[in-house]
């Protein structure tokens, strides 16, 4: 299924090893990434720009170029101004990082700082935190989002595979999504049966920006140790103080 294979068509090799001597029984013995100097530079760049709205402020450009140089960029590609000048945010509607509070950003510098984080910190477990603090998911309240991987249909890549293995009938045994949905591979729309909870796309609730406080904590802090309404605690927005109830918004 989509959780036990490379659902997008891209393989994760970051932080891994190509030396079989350093692996065993499906596990690796290479130290995992905990914190990198690059993350500190990216944190500074974003914070300084959010504060000043000036790309020339502080060491934003110096650090930005350092990040790109370390990543192997050369020539004019090292200069972030090259990327900023070529940016059309209206073409980035599929990038959640281009949104805040349900609206696309209008500042190409801020968007490129966010995109630099997305690319540089890929597969390091920080993307969700970034999306939450940017409030970058409101747009999915009314419009579902469909996860897409590589460009499969009507491309040379389609011919790399035996046609008999490209089963796109929407059944539980389908191997790829149907081309009528998109030319890009949609891992969560291979199986279009009723048992697939993601076939209609991802949606969002405002409550999900924060986790709910457990009802037990309201009971423990209540004056009678039982009634949540007597607790001095406040529930996070749009979450109820009644057990087993869904988000209100």
C-alpha atoms as a PDB file:
ATOM      1  CA  UNK A   1       0.000   0.000   0.000  1.00  0.00           C
ATOM      2  CA  UNK A   2       0.989   3.659  -0.030  1.00  0.00           C
ATOM      3  CA  UNK A   3       2.723   3.417   3.356  1.00  0.00           C
ATOM      4  CA  UNK A   4       4.924   0.414   2.579  1.00  0.00           C
ATOM      5  CA  UNK A   5       6.405   1.422  -0.747  1.00  0.00           C
ATOM      6  CA  UNK A   6       7.765   4.492  -2.467  1.00  0.00           C
ATOM      7  CA  UNK A   7       4.315   5.883  -3.109  1.00  0.00           C
ATOM      8  CA  UNK A   8       5.521   9.018  -4.857  1.00  0.00           C
ATOM      9  CA  UNK A   9       8.025   7.240  -7.085  1.00  0.00           C
ATOM     10  CA  UNK A  10      10.964   8.898  -5.338  1.00  0.00           C
ATOM     11  CA  UNK A  11      13.314   6.973  -3.043  1.00  0.00           C
ATOM     12  CA  UNK A  12      14.649   8.430   0.204  1.00  0.00           C
ATOM     13  CA  UNK A  13      18.410   8.045   0.527  1.00  0.00           C
ATOM     14  CA  UNK A  14      19.145  10.998   2.796  1.00  0.00           C
ATOM     15  CA  UNK A  15      21.077  10.041   5.898  1.00  0.00           C
ATOM     16  CA  UNK A  16      21.349   6.464   4.688  1.00  0.00           C
ATOM     17  CA  UNK A  17      24.301   4.420   3.538  1.00  0.00           C
ATOM     18  CA  UNK A  18      25.175   2.597   0.349  1.00  0.00           C
ATOM     19  CA  UNK A  19      27.562   0.284   2.219  1.00  0.00           C
ATOM     20  CA  UNK A  20      25.917  -3.073   2.982  1.00  0.00           C
ATOM     21  CA  UNK A  21      28.397  -3.599   5.792  1.00  0.00           C
ATOM     22  CA  UNK A  22      26.634  -0.824   7.681  1.00  0.00           C
ATOM     23  CA  UNK A  23      23.183  -2.381   7.431  1.00  0.00           C
ATOM     24  CA  UNK A  24      21.573  -5.528   8.704  1.00  0.00           C
ATOM     25  CA  UNK A  25      18.097  -7.052   8.770  1.00  0.00           C
ATOM     26  CA  UNK A  26      16.644  -3.998   7.091  1.00  0.00           C
ATOM     27  CA  UNK A  27      18.142  -1.616   9.656  1.00  0.00           C
ATOM     28  CA  UNK A  28      20.958   0.892   9.280  1.00  0.00           C
ATOM     29  CA  UNK A  29      23.776   1.797  11.601  1.00  0.00           C
ATOM     30  CA  UNK A  30      24.399   5.295  10.293  1.00  0.00           C
ATOM     31  CA  UNK A  31      23.746   8.064  12.817  1.00  0.00           C
ATOM     32  CA  UNK A  32      20.480   9.889  12.152  1.00  0.00           C
ATOM     33  CA  UNK A  33      20.332  13.637  11.597  1.00  0.00           C
ATOM     34  CA  UNK A  34      19.399  15.460  14.803  1.00  0.00           C
ATOM     35  CA  UNK A  35      20.419  19.055  14.156  1.00  0.00           C
ATOM     36  CA  UNK A  36      22.475  20.632  11.393  1.00  0.00           C
ATOM     37  CA  UNK A  37      24.201  23.993  11.174  1.00  0.00           C
ATOM     38  CA  UNK A  38      22.215  24.594   7.993  1.00  0.00           C
ATOM     39  CA  UNK A  39      18.988  24.491   9.984  1.00  0.00           C
ATOM     40  CA  UNK A  40      20.316  27.226  12.265  1.00  0.00           C
ATOM     41  CA  UNK A  41      21.118  29.385   9.225  1.00  0.00           C
ATOM     42  CA  UNK A  42      17.659  28.823   7.754  1.00  0.00           C
ATOM     43  CA  UNK A  43      16.045  29.675  11.093  1.00  0.00           C
ATOM     44  CA  UNK A  44      17.983  32.938  11.213  1.00  0.00           C
ATOM     45  CA  UNK A  45      17.126  33.849   7.607  1.00  0.00           C
ATOM     46  CA  UNK A  46      13.407  33.398   8.173  1.00  0.00           C
ATOM     47  CA  UNK A  47      13.298  35.160  11.536  1.00  0.00           C
ATOM     48  CA  UNK A  48      15.360  38.133  10.336  1.00  0.00           C
ATOM     49  CA  UNK A  49      13.270  38.563   7.202  1.00  0.00           C
ATOM     50  CA  UNK A  50       9.961  38.249   9.061  1.00  0.00           C
ATOM     51  CA  UNK A  51      11.217  40.963  11.424  1.00  0.00           C
ATOM     52  CA  UNK A  52      12.574  43.418   8.851  1.00  0.00           C
ATOM     53  CA  UNK A  53      11.022  42.471   5.470  1.00  0.00           C
ATOM     54  CA  UNK A  54      14.429  43.386   4.047  1.00  0.00           C
ATOM     55  CA  UNK A  55      16.509  40.728   2.298  1.00  0.00           C
ATOM     56  CA  UNK A  56      19.643  42.838   2.836  1.00  0.00           C
ATOM     57  CA  UNK A  57      19.115  42.932   6.591  1.00  0.00           C
ATOM     58  CA  UNK A  58      21.664  41.298   8.867  1.00  0.00           C
ATOM     59  CA  UNK A  59      23.270  38.183   7.412  1.00  0.00           C
ATOM     60  CA  UNK A  60      20.327  36.863   5.388  1.00  0.00           C
ATOM     61  CA  UNK A  61      22.118  36.892   2.033  1.00  0.00           C
ATOM     62  CA  UNK A  62      25.415  35.706   3.511  1.00  0.00           C
ATOM     63  CA  UNK A  63      23.800  32.697   5.156  1.00  0.00           C
ATOM     64  CA  UNK A  64      21.569  31.954   2.164  1.00  0.00           C
ATOM     65  CA  UNK A  65      24.591  31.784  -0.136  1.00  0.00           C
ATOM     66  CA  UNK A  66      26.430  29.613   2.395  1.00  0.00           C
ATOM     67  CA  UNK A  67      23.544  27.123   2.421  1.00  0.00           C
ATOM     68  CA  UNK A  68      23.559  26.912  -1.370  1.00  0.00           C
ATOM     69  CA  UNK A  69      27.336  26.652  -1.630  1.00  0.00           C
ATOM     70  CA  UNK A  70      27.344  23.741   0.820  1.00  0.00           C
ATOM     71  CA  UNK A  71      24.621  22.071  -1.253  1.00  0.00           C
ATOM     72  CA  UNK A  72      26.786  22.233  -4.374  1.00  0.00           C
ATOM     73  CA  UNK A  73      25.297  25.229  -6.164  1.00  0.00           C
ATOM     74  CA  UNK A  74      27.655  27.057  -8.529  1.00  0.00           C
ATOM     75  CA  UNK A  75      27.747  30.309 -10.481  1.00  0.00           C
ATOM     76  CA  UNK A  76      24.706  32.569 -10.452  1.00  0.00           C
ATOM     77  CA  UNK A  77      22.614  29.798  -8.855  1.00  0.00           C
ATOM     78  CA  UNK A  78      24.327  30.573  -5.541  1.00  0.00           C
ATOM     79  CA  UNK A  79      22.664  33.992  -5.475  1.00  0.00           C
ATOM     80  CA  UNK A  80      19.087  33.674  -4.120  1.00  0.00           C
ATOM     81  CA  UNK A  81      18.139  36.809  -6.040  1.00  0.00           C
ATOM     82  CA  UNK A  82      18.356  34.699  -9.210  1.00  0.00           C
ATOM     83  CA  UNK A  83      15.670  32.353  -7.890  1.00  0.00           C
ATOM     84  CA  UNK A  84      13.532  35.149  -6.479  1.00  0.00           C
ATOM     85  CA  UNK A  85      13.502  36.982  -9.810  1.00  0.00           C
ATOM     86  CA  UNK A  86      12.310  33.831 -11.571  1.00  0.00           C
ATOM     87  CA  UNK A  87       9.546  33.061  -9.061  1.00  0.00           C
ATOM     88  CA  UNK A  88       5.872  33.205 -10.017  1.00  0.00           C
ATOM     89  CA  UNK A  89       3.994  32.318  -6.831  1.00  0.00           C
ATOM     90  CA  UNK A  90       0.767  31.802  -8.783  1.00  0.00           C
ATOM     91  CA  UNK A  91       2.403  28.689 -10.236  1.00  0.00           C
ATOM     92  CA  UNK A  92       3.050  27.256  -6.753  1.00  0.00           C
ATOM     93  CA  UNK A  93      -0.515  26.440  -5.731  1.00  0.00           C
ATOM     94  CA  UNK A  94       0.383  22.817  -4.987  1.00  0.00           C
ATOM     95  CA  UNK A  95       3.020  23.868  -2.452  1.00  0.00           C
ATOM     96  CA  UNK A  96       1.413  24.154   0.977  1.00  0.00           C
ATOM     97  CA  UNK A  97       4.305  26.380   2.044  1.00  0.00           C
ATOM     98  CA  UNK A  98       3.087  29.080  -0.335  1.00  0.00           C
ATOM     99  CA  UNK A  99       0.026  29.691   1.872  1.00  0.00           C
ATOM    100  CA  UNK A 100      -0.752  31.388   5.161  1.00  0.00           C
ATOM    101  CA  UNK A 101      -4.276  31.689   6.592  1.00  0.00           C
ATOM    102  CA  UNK A 102      -5.805  30.316   3.402  1.00  0.00           C
ATOM    103  CA  UNK A 103      -4.212  32.853   1.073  1.00  0.00           C
ATOM    104  CA  UNK A 104      -1.183  32.505  -1.162  1.00  0.00           C
ATOM    105  CA  UNK A 105       1.799  34.624  -0.222  1.00  0.00           C
ATOM    106  CA  UNK A 106       2.482  37.731  -2.269  1.00  0.00           C
ATOM    107  CA  UNK A 107       6.085  38.137  -1.107  1.00  0.00           C
ATOM    108  CA  UNK A 108       8.485  36.115  -3.325  1.00  0.00           C
ATOM    109  CA  UNK A 109      11.352  36.528  -0.853  1.00  0.00           C
ATOM    110  CA  UNK A 110       9.419  34.992   2.030  1.00  0.00           C
ATOM    111  CA  UNK A 111       8.162  32.215  -0.223  1.00  0.00           C
ATOM    112  CA  UNK A 112      11.691  31.391  -1.369  1.00  0.00           C
ATOM    113  CA  UNK A 113      12.952  31.274   2.204  1.00  0.00           C
ATOM    114  CA  UNK A 114      10.204  28.777   2.964  1.00  0.00           C
ATOM    115  CA  UNK A 115      10.989  26.805  -0.189  1.00  0.00           C
ATOM    116  CA  UNK A 116      14.681  26.734   0.703  1.00  0.00           C
ATOM    117  CA  UNK A 117      13.699  25.076   3.994  1.00  0.00           C
ATOM    118  CA  UNK A 118      11.502  22.574   2.173  1.00  0.00           C
ATOM    119  CA  UNK A 119      14.299  21.526  -0.169  1.00  0.00           C
ATOM    120  CA  UNK A 120      17.231  21.657   2.232  1.00  0.00           C
ATOM    121  CA  UNK A 121      15.482  19.906   5.140  1.00  0.00           C
ATOM    122  CA  UNK A 122      13.659  17.308   3.059  1.00  0.00           C
ATOM    123  CA  UNK A 123      13.034  14.021   4.912  1.00  0.00           C
ATOM    124  CA  UNK A 124      14.377  15.398   8.207  1.00  0.00           C
ATOM    125  CA  UNK A 125      11.023  15.502   9.984  1.00  0.00           C
ATOM    126  CA  UNK A 126      10.584  19.284  10.152  1.00  0.00           C
ATOM    127  CA  UNK A 127       8.040  19.970   7.416  1.00  0.00           C
ATOM    128  CA  UNK A 128       4.948  19.405   9.563  1.00  0.00           C
ATOM    129  CA  UNK A 129       6.176  21.791  12.240  1.00  0.00           C
ATOM    130  CA  UNK A 130       6.797  24.444   9.588  1.00  0.00           C
ATOM    131  CA  UNK A 131       3.356  24.055   8.003  1.00  0.00           C
ATOM    132  CA  UNK A 132       1.638  24.338  11.377  1.00  0.00           C
ATOM    133  CA  UNK A 133       3.496  27.469  12.503  1.00  0.00           C
ATOM    134  CA  UNK A 134       2.893  29.091   9.100  1.00  0.00           C
ATOM    135  CA  UNK A 135      -0.815  28.229   9.332  1.00  0.00           C
ATOM    136  CA  UNK A 136      -0.400  26.872   5.831  1.00  0.00           C
ATOM    137  CA  UNK A 137      -3.309  24.427   5.601  1.00  0.00           C
ATOM    138  CA  UNK A 138      -6.485  26.560   5.775  1.00  0.00           C
ATOM    139  CA  UNK A 139      -7.020  26.269   2.021  1.00  0.00           C
ATOM    140  CA  UNK A 140      -7.879  22.578   2.413  1.00  0.00           C
ATOM    141  CA  UNK A 141     -10.930  23.365   4.532  1.00  0.00           C
ATOM    142  CA  UNK A 142     -12.966  23.943   1.383  1.00  0.00           C
ATOM    143  CA  UNK A 143     -10.807  22.426  -1.361  1.00  0.00           C
ATOM    144  CA  UNK A 144      -9.406  18.873  -1.037  1.00  0.00           C
ATOM    145  CA  UNK A 145      -5.745  18.285  -1.828  1.00  0.00           C
ATOM    146  CA  UNK A 146      -4.548  15.267  -3.774  1.00  0.00           C
ATOM    147  CA  UNK A 147      -1.051  13.928  -3.161  1.00  0.00           C
ATOM    148  CA  UNK A 148       0.827  13.497  -6.435  1.00  0.00           C
ATOM    149  CA  UNK A 149       4.122  11.818  -7.223  1.00  0.00           C
ATOM    150  CA  UNK A 150       6.046  11.515 -10.449  1.00  0.00           C
ATOM    151  CA  UNK A 151       4.756  12.271 -13.959  1.00  0.00           C
ATOM    152  CA  UNK A 152       3.755   8.817 -15.222  1.00  0.00           C
ATOM    153  CA  UNK A 153       1.080   8.942 -17.889  1.00  0.00           C
ATOM    154  CA  UNK A 154       1.802  10.156 -21.424  1.00  0.00           C
ATOM    155  CA  UNK A 155       5.531  10.313 -20.733  1.00  0.00           C
ATOM    156  CA  UNK A 156       8.459   8.077 -21.740  1.00  0.00           C
ATOM    157  CA  UNK A 157       8.407   6.748 -18.176  1.00  0.00           C
ATOM    158  CA  UNK A 158       5.068   5.050 -18.865  1.00  0.00           C
ATOM    159  CA  UNK A 159       6.845   2.812 -21.368  1.00  0.00           C
ATOM    160  CA  UNK A 160       9.402   1.699 -18.804  1.00  0.00           C
ATOM    161  CA  UNK A 161       6.807  -0.594 -17.278  1.00  0.00           C
ATOM    162  CA  UNK A 162       5.032  -3.628 -18.646  1.00  0.00           C
ATOM    163  CA  UNK A 163       1.510  -2.495 -19.519  1.00  0.00           C
ATOM    164  CA  UNK A 164       0.131  -5.549 -17.706  1.00  0.00           C
ATOM    165  CA  UNK A 165       1.631  -4.237 -14.476  1.00  0.00           C
ATOM    166  CA  UNK A 166       0.040  -0.795 -14.791  1.00  0.00           C
ATOM    167  CA  UNK A 167      -3.339  -1.698 -13.343  1.00  0.00           C
ATOM    168  CA  UNK A 168      -5.403   1.485 -13.040  1.00  0.00           C
ATOM    169  CA  UNK A 169      -8.955   0.193 -12.706  1.00  0.00           C
ATOM    170  CA  UNK A 170      -9.471   1.639  -9.208  1.00  0.00           C
ATOM    171  CA  UNK A 171      -9.795  -1.788  -7.624  1.00  0.00           C
ATOM    172  CA  UNK A 172      -8.156  -2.860  -4.382  1.00  0.00           C
ATOM    173  CA  UNK A 173      -5.471  -4.596  -6.460  1.00  0.00           C
ATOM    174  CA  UNK A 174      -4.676  -1.579  -8.664  1.00  0.00           C
ATOM    175  CA  UNK A 175      -1.001  -0.644  -8.875  1.00  0.00           C
ATOM    176  CA  UNK A 176      -1.312   2.924 -10.192  1.00  0.00           C
ATOM    177  CA  UNK A 177      -3.903   5.696 -10.263  1.00  0.00           C
ATOM    178  CA  UNK A 178      -6.082   6.150 -13.323  1.00  0.00           C
ATOM    179  CA  UNK A 179      -4.838   8.654 -15.938  1.00  0.00           C
ATOM    180  CA  UNK A 180      -8.300  10.260 -16.011  1.00  0.00           C
ATOM    181  CA  UNK A 181      -7.551  11.631 -12.521  1.00  0.00           C
ATOM    182  CA  UNK A 182      -4.152  13.078 -13.356  1.00  0.00           C
ATOM    183  CA  UNK A 183      -1.115  12.353 -15.494  1.00  0.00           C
ATOM    184  CA  UNK A 184       0.821  12.369 -12.222  1.00  0.00           C
ATOM    185  CA  UNK A 185       0.823   9.273 -10.045  1.00  0.00           C
ATOM    186  CA  UNK A 186      -1.591   9.626  -7.111  1.00  0.00           C
ATOM    187  CA  UNK A 187      -0.663   6.979  -4.507  1.00  0.00           C
ATOM    188  CA  UNK A 188      -3.847   7.410  -2.481  1.00  0.00           C
ATOM    189  CA  UNK A 189      -6.121   7.103  -5.500  1.00  0.00           C
ATOM    190  CA  UNK A 190      -4.917   3.755  -6.757  1.00  0.00           C
ATOM    191  CA  UNK A 191      -7.627   2.064  -4.746  1.00  0.00           C
ATOM    192  CA  UNK A 192     -10.916   3.904  -5.272  1.00  0.00           C
ATOM    193  CA  UNK A 193     -13.072   1.483  -3.300  1.00  0.00           C
ATOM    194  CA  UNK A 194     -15.122   2.620  -0.311  1.00  0.00           C
ATOM    195  CA  UNK A 195     -12.523   1.303   2.131  1.00  0.00           C
ATOM    196  CA  UNK A 196      -9.981   3.931   1.058  1.00  0.00           C
ATOM    197  CA  UNK A 197     -10.461   6.918   3.370  1.00  0.00           C
ATOM    198  CA  UNK A 198      -8.135   9.126   1.298  1.00  0.00           C
ATOM    199  CA  UNK A 199      -9.597   8.622  -2.168  1.00  0.00           C
ATOM    200  CA  UNK A 200     -11.425  11.966  -2.064  1.00  0.00           C
ATOM    201  CA  UNK A 201      -8.314  13.916  -1.103  1.00  0.00           C
ATOM    202  CA  UNK A 202      -6.975  15.509   2.069  1.00  0.00           C
ATOM    203  CA  UNK A 203      -9.096  18.051   3.923  1.00  0.00           C
ATOM    204  CA  UNK A 204      -8.419  20.161   6.999  1.00  0.00           C
ATOM    205  CA  UNK A 205     -10.010  21.386  10.230  1.00  0.00           C
ATOM    206  CA  UNK A 206      -8.866  24.494  12.073  1.00  0.00           C
ATOM    207  CA  UNK A 207      -8.734  22.535  15.322  1.00  0.00           C
ATOM    208  CA  UNK A 208      -5.931  20.377  13.966  1.00  0.00           C
ATOM    209  CA  UNK A 209      -3.352  23.145  14.214  1.00  0.00           C
ATOM    210  CA  UNK A 210      -3.210  22.275  17.921  1.00  0.00           C
ATOM    211  CA  UNK A 211      -3.665  19.007  19.783  1.00  0.00           C
ATOM    212  CA  UNK A 212      -6.569  18.763  22.251  1.00  0.00           C
ATOM    213  CA  UNK A 213      -5.866  18.630  25.953  1.00  0.00           C
ATOM    214  CA  UNK A 214      -6.904  15.213  27.292  1.00  0.00           C
ATOM    215  CA  UNK A 215     -10.269  15.211  29.068  1.00  0.00           C
ATOM    216  CA  UNK A 216      -8.583  13.401  31.947  1.00  0.00           C
ATOM    217  CA  UNK A 217      -6.482  16.509  32.647  1.00  0.00           C
ATOM    218  CA  UNK A 218      -9.635  18.613  32.996  1.00  0.00           C
ATOM    219  CA  UNK A 219     -11.054  16.074  35.424  1.00  0.00           C
ATOM    220  CA  UNK A 220      -7.865  15.845  37.479  1.00  0.00           C
ATOM    221  CA  UNK A 221      -7.674  19.626  37.865  1.00  0.00           C
ATOM    222  CA  UNK A 222     -11.375  20.170  38.527  1.00  0.00           C
ATOM    223  CA  UNK A 223     -12.398  21.195  42.033  1.00  0.00           C
ATOM    224  CA  UNK A 224     -14.368  17.963  42.368  1.00  0.00           C
ATOM    225  CA  UNK A 225     -11.797  15.894  40.429  1.00  0.00           C
ATOM    226  CA  UNK A 226     -14.502  14.846  38.010  1.00  0.00           C
ATOM    227  CA  UNK A 227     -16.247  17.668  36.140  1.00  0.00           C
ATOM    228  CA  UNK A 228     -14.286  19.205  33.197  1.00  0.00           C
ATOM    229  CA  UNK A 229     -16.304  22.435  33.408  1.00  0.00           C
ATOM    230  CA  UNK A 230     -14.888  23.045  36.919  1.00  0.00           C
ATOM    231  CA  UNK A 231     -11.271  22.876  35.725  1.00  0.00           C
ATOM    232  CA  UNK A 232      -9.132  26.049  35.476  1.00  0.00           C
ATOM    233  CA  UNK A 233      -7.647  24.696  32.229  1.00  0.00           C
ATOM    234  CA  UNK A 234      -8.675  25.978  28.821  1.00  0.00           C
ATOM    235  CA  UNK A 235      -9.233  23.630  25.906  1.00  0.00           C
ATOM    236  CA  UNK A 236      -7.436  24.427  22.660  1.00  0.00           C
ATOM    237  CA  UNK A 237      -9.588  26.210  20.033  1.00  0.00           C
ATOM    238  CA  UNK A 238     -12.358  24.191  18.374  1.00  0.00           C
ATOM    239  CA  UNK A 239     -11.811  21.093  20.534  1.00  0.00           C
ATOM    240  CA  UNK A 240     -14.617  19.978  22.886  1.00  0.00           C
ATOM    241  CA  UNK A 241     -14.262  19.134  26.558  1.00  0.00           C
ATOM    242  CA  UNK A 242     -16.394  16.033  26.123  1.00  0.00           C
ATOM    243  CA  UNK A 243     -14.690  12.697  25.509  1.00  0.00           C
ATOM    244  CA  UNK A 244     -14.969  10.912  22.143  1.00  0.00           C
ATOM    245  CA  UNK A 245     -16.258  13.978  20.315  1.00  0.00           C
ATOM    246  CA  UNK A 246     -14.765  15.304  17.048  1.00  0.00           C
ATOM    247  CA  UNK A 247     -13.344  18.746  16.379  1.00  0.00           C
ATOM    248  CA  UNK A 248     -15.977  21.480  16.192  1.00  0.00           C
ATOM    249  CA  UNK A 249     -14.362  23.282  13.243  1.00  0.00           C
END
